[in-house]
Structure formats: structure tokens, C-alpha cells
Protein backbone atom coordinates (compact mmCIF):
# COMPACT_ATOMS: atom_id res chain seq x y z
CA MET A 1 -37.92 1.88 -7.86
CA SER A 2 -35.31 -0.98 -7.23
CA VAL A 3 -31.89 -0.85 -9.55
CA SER A 4 -30.21 -3.76 -10.98
CA TYR A 5 -26.42 -4.44 -9.79
CA SER A 6 -25.45 -3.52 -13.97
CA ASP A 7 -27.58 -0.14 -13.97
CA CYS A 8 -24.78 0.54 -10.83
CA PHE A 9 -22.08 -0.56 -12.95
CA SER A 10 -23.03 0.65 -16.62
CA ASP A 11 -20.95 3.93 -16.62
CA LEU A 12 -18.02 1.99 -15.72
CA LEU A 13 -17.65 -0.31 -18.34
CA CYS A 14 -16.23 2.13 -20.99
CA GLY A 15 -19.03 1.17 -23.45
CA GLU A 16 -18.00 -2.18 -23.83
CA ASP A 17 -20.36 -5.12 -23.42
CA SER A 18 -20.66 -6.36 -20.16
CA ASP A 19 -20.24 -10.37 -21.16
CA THR A 20 -16.97 -9.00 -22.34
CA VAL A 21 -16.13 -7.73 -19.39
CA PHE A 22 -17.05 -10.16 -16.79
CA SER A 23 -15.94 -13.34 -19.10
CA ASN A 24 -12.39 -14.28 -20.54
CA GLY A 25 -13.08 -12.29 -23.44
CA GLY A 26 -14.83 -15.25 -25.59
CA GLY A 27 -18.08 -14.76 -23.98
CA GLU A 28 -17.32 -18.06 -22.07
CA ASP A 29 -17.38 -17.95 -18.42
CA LEU A 30 -14.07 -17.71 -16.17
CA PRO A 31 -12.82 -21.01 -14.86
CA GLU A 32 -12.89 -21.76 -11.37
CA CYS A 33 -9.98 -21.74 -9.26
CA SER A 34 -8.77 -25.16 -8.82
CA SER A 35 -7.20 -26.92 -5.53
CA SER A 36 -3.63 -26.49 -6.98
CA ASP A 37 -4.28 -22.96 -7.31
CA ILE A 38 -5.79 -22.52 -3.97
CA GLU A 39 -2.41 -24.35 -2.40
CA SER A 40 -0.49 -22.41 -4.28
CA GLN A 41 -2.00 -19.43 -2.65
CA PHE A 42 -1.57 -20.57 0.60
CA ALA A 43 2.21 -21.21 -0.10
CA ASP A 44 2.36 -17.91 -1.12
CA ILE A 45 1.09 -17.00 2.10
CA ASP A 46 3.25 -18.97 4.12
CA GLU A 47 6.39 -17.52 2.32
CA SER A 48 5.21 -13.96 3.20
CA ILE A 49 5.04 -15.09 6.67
CA ALA A 50 8.52 -16.44 6.58
CA GLY A 51 9.72 -13.17 5.26
CA LEU A 52 8.01 -11.53 7.96
CA ILE A 53 9.82 -13.55 10.63
CA GLU A 54 13.18 -13.35 9.11
CA ASP A 55 13.00 -9.52 8.91
CA GLU A 56 11.35 -8.97 12.37
CA ARG A 57 14.96 -8.93 13.93
CA ASN A 58 15.37 -5.16 12.40
CA PHE A 59 12.25 -4.16 14.52
CA VAL A 60 12.93 -4.54 17.79
CA PRO A 61 15.59 -3.26 20.59
CA GLY A 62 19.15 -6.04 20.79
CA TYR A 63 18.71 -8.84 23.10
CA ASP A 64 20.85 -6.57 25.79
CA TYR A 65 18.18 -4.03 26.48
CA ILE A 66 16.85 -6.20 29.31
CA GLU A 67 20.43 -5.79 30.73
CA LYS A 68 20.08 -1.88 30.62
CA PHE A 69 17.70 -2.18 33.22
CA GLN A 70 19.21 -4.77 34.86
CA SER A 71 22.13 -2.66 35.59
CA GLN A 72 20.06 0.27 36.36
CA SER A 73 21.77 2.22 33.13
CA LEU A 74 17.45 2.59 32.45
CA SER A 75 14.95 2.81 34.87
CA ALA A 76 12.39 -0.15 34.37
CA ALA A 77 9.94 1.94 36.67
CA ALA A 78 10.18 4.98 34.53
CA ARG A 79 9.67 2.79 31.52
CA ASP A 80 6.22 1.19 33.32
CA GLU A 81 4.95 4.17 33.71
CA SER A 82 5.81 5.68 30.34
CA VAL A 83 3.81 2.62 28.71
CA ALA A 84 1.04 2.38 31.33
CA TRP A 85 0.24 6.24 30.37
CA ILE A 86 0.41 5.31 26.38
CA LEU A 87 -2.20 2.34 27.34
CA LYS A 88 -4.04 5.12 29.26
CA VAL A 89 -4.42 7.59 26.25
CA GLN A 90 -5.03 4.46 23.70
CA ARG A 91 -8.14 3.61 25.74
CA HIS A 92 -9.20 7.40 26.28
CA TYR A 93 -9.62 7.73 22.60
CA GLY A 94 -10.19 4.25 21.63
CA PHE A 95 -6.95 3.84 19.72
CA GLN A 96 -6.25 0.56 18.13
CA PRO A 97 -4.40 -2.26 19.81
CA LEU A 98 -1.63 -1.76 17.46
CA THR A 99 -1.20 1.78 17.10
CA ALA A 100 -0.17 0.98 21.42
CA TYR A 101 2.29 -1.34 20.96
CA LEU A 102 3.96 0.90 17.74
CA ALA A 103 4.77 3.43 20.48
CA VAL A 104 6.03 1.23 22.58
CA ASN A 105 7.98 -0.04 20.24
CA TYR A 106 9.31 3.33 19.03
CA PHE A 107 9.64 3.85 22.48
CA ASP A 108 11.99 1.11 23.42
CA ARG A 109 14.41 1.02 20.21
CA PHE A 110 14.77 4.68 20.69
CA LEU A 111 16.09 4.09 24.27
CA TYR A 112 18.11 1.47 23.12
CA SER A 113 19.73 3.24 20.44
CA ARG A 114 19.66 6.70 22.12
CA SER A 115 20.15 7.79 25.62
CA LEU A 116 18.37 10.77 27.13
CA PRO A 117 19.72 13.65 29.71
CA GLN A 118 17.64 11.75 32.24
CA THR A 119 16.35 8.28 32.91
CA ASN A 120 13.07 9.48 34.21
CA GLY A 121 11.18 12.42 34.84
CA TRP A 122 9.77 14.86 32.01
CA PRO A 123 12.65 13.69 28.94
CA LEU A 124 10.54 10.25 28.92
CA GLN A 125 7.43 11.68 29.07
CA LEU A 126 8.08 14.00 26.29
CA LEU A 127 9.27 10.68 24.17
CA SER A 128 6.22 8.97 25.19
CA VAL A 129 4.42 11.70 23.44
CA ALA A 130 6.44 11.84 20.62
CA CYS A 131 5.79 8.08 20.17
CA LEU A 132 2.48 7.88 20.33
CA SER A 133 1.56 10.90 18.21
CA LEU A 134 3.81 8.69 15.45
CA ALA A 135 1.98 5.88 16.37
CA ALA A 136 -1.27 7.23 16.08
CA LYS A 137 -0.13 9.04 12.38
CA MET A 138 0.65 6.11 10.86
CA GLU A 139 -2.85 3.76 12.16
CA GLU A 140 -5.42 6.27 13.40
CA PRO A 141 -7.73 7.65 10.60
CA LEU A 142 -8.43 10.63 12.66
CA VAL A 143 -5.63 11.74 15.32
CA PRO A 144 -5.97 14.39 18.20
CA SER A 145 -3.30 17.49 18.21
CA LEU A 146 -0.59 17.55 20.27
CA LEU A 147 -2.49 19.51 22.93
CA ASP A 148 -5.32 17.35 23.17
CA LEU A 149 -2.72 14.06 22.92
CA GLN A 150 -1.53 15.21 26.68
CA VAL A 151 -4.13 13.89 28.93
CA GLU A 152 -4.64 11.22 31.33
CA GLY A 153 -2.56 12.08 33.86
CA ALA A 154 0.59 14.01 31.78
CA LYS A 155 3.07 15.39 34.17
CA TYR A 156 4.20 17.63 31.82
CA ILE A 157 2.75 19.88 29.26
CA PHE A 158 4.92 20.23 26.12
CA GLU A 159 4.21 23.00 23.43
CA PRO A 160 3.20 21.42 19.81
CA LYS A 161 6.69 22.68 18.17
CA THR A 162 8.66 21.04 21.36
CA ILE A 163 7.03 17.74 20.87
CA GLN A 164 7.57 17.94 16.68
CA ARG A 165 11.27 18.35 17.28
CA MET A 166 11.35 14.98 19.71
CA GLU A 167 9.22 13.29 16.56
CA PHE A 168 12.13 14.17 14.08
CA LEU A 169 14.87 13.11 16.74
CA VAL A 170 13.15 9.87 17.06
CA LEU A 171 12.56 9.42 13.16
CA ARG A 172 16.07 10.08 12.90
CA ILE A 173 17.42 7.63 15.23
CA LEU A 174 14.73 5.21 13.72
CA ASP A 175 15.64 5.32 10.48
CA TRP A 176 12.41 6.25 9.44
CA ARG A 177 11.24 2.75 9.75
CA LEU A 178 7.66 3.00 11.32
CA ARG A 179 6.17 0.53 9.32
CA SER A 180 7.51 -2.61 12.03
CA ILE A 181 6.63 -6.07 12.21
CA THR A 182 4.76 -6.73 15.34
CA PRO A 183 2.90 -9.48 16.74
CA PHE A 184 -0.23 -8.31 15.01
CA ASN A 185 1.16 -9.27 11.83
CA PHE A 186 0.79 -12.99 12.60
CA LEU A 187 -2.41 -13.28 14.67
CA SER A 188 -4.61 -13.97 11.67
CA PHE A 189 -2.45 -16.24 10.55
CA PHE A 190 -1.75 -18.33 13.27
CA ALA A 191 -5.37 -18.08 14.33
CA ALA A 192 -6.25 -19.62 10.71
CA LYS A 193 -4.07 -22.20 11.30
CA LEU A 194 -5.41 -23.00 14.92
CA ASP A 195 -8.92 -22.85 13.26
CA SER A 196 -9.23 -23.63 9.87
CA LEU A 197 -12.64 -23.50 9.94
CA GLY A 198 -12.76 -20.01 11.08
CA THR A 199 -15.52 -20.64 14.00
CA PHE A 200 -13.32 -19.22 16.43
CA THR A 201 -11.15 -16.89 14.55
CA ALA A 202 -12.18 -13.75 15.59
CA VAL A 203 -12.42 -14.78 19.46
CA LEU A 204 -9.21 -15.84 19.49
CA ILE A 205 -7.38 -12.96 17.49
CA SER A 206 -9.32 -10.61 20.19
CA ARG A 207 -7.99 -12.25 23.08
CA ALA A 208 -4.29 -12.30 21.56
CA SER A 209 -4.84 -8.71 21.21
CA GLN A 210 -5.53 -8.19 24.79
CA ILE A 211 -3.17 -10.10 26.30
CA ILE A 212 -0.45 -8.42 24.31
CA LEU A 213 -1.25 -5.30 25.61
CA SER A 214 -1.46 -6.35 29.11
CA ASN A 215 1.52 -7.67 28.73
CA ILE A 216 3.79 -4.80 27.06
CA GLN A 217 4.90 -2.91 30.24
CA GLU A 218 6.72 -6.15 30.63
CA ALA A 219 10.31 -5.27 29.55
CA SER A 220 11.08 -8.89 29.88
CA PHE A 221 9.02 -9.67 26.58
CA HIS A 222 11.55 -8.28 24.78
CA GLU A 223 13.75 -11.63 24.91
CA TYR A 224 10.93 -12.95 22.48
CA TRP A 225 10.68 -11.91 18.81
CA PRO A 226 6.78 -10.45 17.67
CA SER A 227 6.33 -13.91 15.65
CA CYS A 228 6.75 -15.91 18.96
CA ILE A 229 4.65 -13.47 21.06
CA ALA A 230 1.96 -13.93 18.39
CA ALA A 231 2.17 -17.95 18.93
CA ALA A 232 2.20 -17.32 22.23
CA THR A 233 -0.95 -15.44 23.28
CA ILE A 234 -2.60 -17.35 20.48
CA LEU A 235 -2.14 -20.36 22.44
CA CYS A 236 -2.89 -18.77 25.48
CA ALA A 237 -5.97 -17.37 24.09
CA ALA A 238 -6.99 -20.92 23.04
CA LYS A 239 -6.58 -22.22 26.39
CA ASP A 240 -10.29 -21.65 27.64
CA LEU A 241 -11.81 -23.06 24.38
CA PRO A 242 -12.63 -26.55 24.55
CA ASN A 243 -12.17 -27.72 21.05
CA PHE A 244 -8.57 -26.35 21.37
CA SER A 245 -7.51 -27.12 25.03
CA LEU A 246 -4.72 -29.71 23.77
CA VAL A 247 -3.07 -27.82 21.44
CA ASN A 248 0.52 -27.00 22.75
CA ALA A 249 3.64 -25.36 21.50
CA GLU A 250 4.38 -28.46 19.35
CA HIS A 251 1.68 -27.33 17.27
CA ALA A 252 2.43 -24.01 17.14
CA GLU A 253 5.70 -25.18 15.85
CA SER A 254 4.42 -26.33 12.52
CA TRP A 255 2.57 -23.32 11.80
CA CYS A 256 5.50 -21.33 10.07
CA HIS A 257 9.02 -21.96 9.26
CA GLY A 258 11.36 -19.91 11.64
CA LEU A 259 9.30 -20.48 15.04
CA ARG A 260 10.99 -22.16 17.61
CA LYS A 261 9.37 -24.60 20.29
CA ASP A 262 11.23 -23.78 23.23
CA LYS A 263 11.13 -19.78 22.73
CA ILE A 264 7.19 -20.23 22.02
CA VAL A 265 6.89 -22.34 25.54
CA GLY A 266 9.18 -19.73 27.57
CA CYS A 267 6.76 -16.65 26.15
CA TYR A 268 3.83 -18.81 27.03
CA GLU A 269 5.24 -19.11 30.54
CA LEU A 270 5.81 -15.45 31.01
CA VAL A 271 2.56 -14.73 29.34
CA GLN A 272 0.97 -16.85 31.79
CA LYS A 273 2.97 -15.49 34.85
CA TYR A 274 2.09 -11.80 34.04
CA ALA A 275 -1.71 -12.55 32.95
CA ILE A 276 -3.92 -10.23 34.03
CA ALA A 277 -7.95 -10.93 34.08
CA LEU A 278 -9.50 -8.48 31.56
CA ARG A 279 -12.86 -7.53 31.15
CA PRO A 280 -14.11 -6.45 27.36
CA ARG A 281 -14.76 -2.44 27.53
CA ARG A 282 -15.50 0.12 24.77
CA PHE A 283 -13.92 3.10 24.86
CA PRO A 284 -15.50 6.06 22.97
CA ARG A 285 -13.75 8.33 20.49
CA VAL A 286 -14.08 11.47 21.84
CA TYR A 287 -12.23 14.11 19.87
CA PRO A 288 -12.30 17.73 20.84
CA GLN A 289 -13.49 19.23 17.49
CA VAL A 290 -11.52 23.12 18.10
CA ARG A 291 -8.21 21.52 18.41
CA VAL A 292 -8.02 18.66 16.00
CA MET A 293 -8.38 20.03 12.51
CA THR A 294 -6.03 22.50 11.49
CA ARG A 295 -2.92 24.04 12.84
CA THR A 296 -4.60 27.44 12.72
CA SER A 297 -7.49 26.22 14.86
CA THR A 298 -4.67 24.82 17.19
CA THR A 299 -2.75 28.04 17.68
CA THR A 300 -6.14 30.00 18.12
CA THR A 301 -7.08 27.45 21.09
CA VAL A 302 -3.94 27.91 22.35
CA ALA A 303 -4.13 31.06 22.56
CA SER A 304 -7.41 31.23 24.43
CA SER A 305 -6.58 28.32 26.67
CA ASP A 306 -3.54 30.64 27.88
CA SER A 307 -5.69 33.67 28.42
CA SER A 308 -8.65 31.84 30.20
CA SER A 309 -6.11 29.87 32.74
CA SER A 310 -3.79 32.74 33.16
CA SER A 311 -5.82 34.05 36.20
CA SER A 312 -5.67 30.71 37.61
CA SER A 313 -2.00 29.84 37.03
CA SER A 314 0.64 30.89 39.02
CA SER A 315 3.60 32.82 37.50
CA SER A 316 5.70 29.39 38.22
CA THR A 317 3.77 27.15 36.06
CA SER A 318 4.37 29.41 33.13
CA TYR A 319 8.33 29.45 34.29
CA LYS A 320 7.98 25.88 34.38
CA ARG A 321 6.38 25.46 30.63
CA ARG A 322 9.21 27.97 29.34
CA LYS A 323 11.95 26.04 31.30
CA LEU A 324 10.68 22.95 29.60
CA ASN A 325 10.62 24.35 25.90
CA ASN A 326 14.33 25.63 26.72
CA SER A 327 15.74 22.60 28.08
CA TRP A 328 16.48 20.80 25.14
CA TRP A 329 19.82 18.98 24.85
CA SER A 330 22.43 19.64 22.69
CA VAL A 331 21.61 16.74 20.11
CA THR A 332 18.72 19.12 18.96
CA ASP A 333 20.68 22.17 18.03
CA ASP A 334 23.04 19.78 15.78
CA ASP A 335 19.70 17.84 14.25
CA SER A 336 18.19 21.37 13.42
């Protein structure tokens, strides 16, 4: 038996005549949108994007962040290793590209504002886990438990309470501003500016997203703000499409107020320098059923895991875990 449109929504009309609900009140059809209305909507979108460009400076590390790596006050190799691990976990669980980018964004903003007791080793691993956990909670519909998140060759395994304390410290240092402005906020808008018909928009966004992730390990990209990175990666994604082979940074500068040609050119050249050939891959969402759901099930799993592994693990392993849990710098004591 077929069901009509009116039958589906008959209970939602509050007893009113459907003709009244779907009209302007007098039984007449609603007026169609005029060209001036459409232009007004586009103007509102342009204004919104310009507002994002104006505010994006508040969600990136300062310009002297790169100088900290050059002066070796921060280890570039250790950062690369941490970001590589975040990307591995992102692929392992099939997280969105935005999740990985946010995790690295939190990671860099924290390091810019707060020093760790060591520039490498377990403090950076703990920071990586905490930042990825926070990013996943922001963007993913289903988040693995804190123990299950520590996969893909994690050198140290931290107890959930230790990670939660680190999460709180990250939140405090970032002033709870987790809804960051990223290049992904601009990709759809810039792709539509380049491809007004929408024929290649999905391809442009997909390629640009891959390019962003493939270059996220390079600290030198912090010289450019998210809008500039988005414009440069859209241009890079379009260069292999014959319809857009002649598009350049000058065209991109006109996409929105606040973009600068020289910055787009510099970022585009940097993208080309570190470009990596990417093959499309699909990673299944694999979530262990026991550990993900509730704190009770997580505690039970941890207990069973510890008991099953006690026969095979040496006493030095358990000592390392106890030592890591106790090796918290004085800042945490103040926070607690």
C-alpha cells in the first residue's frame, strides 16, 4: 500500500489545514525567491567567511612558534613523531580528516603556550593522546575508550585517569576554545568559487583534504593561516583538472576579502615542495565492543586485561606504568 506525502505528515499539522501551513496564510502559493534574494544570501555567506578570516588568528600558534623549533627549544623530530602517530590512529579508526587536524591544532597551541618537562618522550605521547581524545569527542559520533585509543605503536600506555587530567590541563591552557577555525571551514566555499557549476566540487574538496593531512606534519605551515592553506590546497587540487589548469593565486585572492596573493603563492609552493602522492584508501571503523560504551565496562575490561597479561608481563612493565602515573609535574597538583 502506498503512503502519500500528506499522510506522513498529517499528525504534525496540529489540526490545521495543510493548505494554510504550506502557504503564506491566504491560500496563495509562496512567492519564489528573486535574484536579489539569492544575491543577498551569497553576500551573507561572503560576510561570514570574511568573519572567519578575521577570527582565525585566535586559533593558531603565534608566528614565533616555528622559531622554537629552529632554536631547538622544541624538538621538530619529536613533534613529527607525535603527529605521525595521530594520523595513524585517525586512519585506524576511520576518523574524519577534521578530527586529526583538530588534534594537531590543540597539540601545537598547547606547546606554544606551555612548556613540558621534556621536549620528547612520554610527555609528548600523553599530550598526543589527550589532544586526539578531545578532538574525537568534538567531531566523532562514536569515540573509542581511552585505552583503546592508544594503538598503532604507542610507546607508552597511560591509565584513563592520567589522560583525563591531561585533557583538563589542555582545556585550561586553550581556554576551552576547542571549536577552532581550520582550513576545512573554507574548502566548500572556495571550491564553489572555483567551480560555480558544482561539477568538480566534491573532487576538489576531497583532494584538498588529503593534501592538508599529508602536509600537517610540517611545522613550517604554521607560517600560514587556515584560510590561506585552504586556498592553496584547492589550487593544488585543481591543477590536475583540465577545466582549471589556468587558475592561479590571483584568482584565489578574489574569492574573499582578507586573502593575500603573496601568502597564497608561498603556501602553494610549500605544498608543492612537500607534496606526497596519495592513493585513496578506506579504513573500516573498528571499535572493540567491550571497552567503548561505559565507564563500568571499561573498568571491567582493564581489570580482566591486567589479570590476563600479568602472567606474560614482567614486573618492570607494571613498575613503568606506576611510575608514569606518578610522574606528573607540579602544575597538575596546582590544577587539582
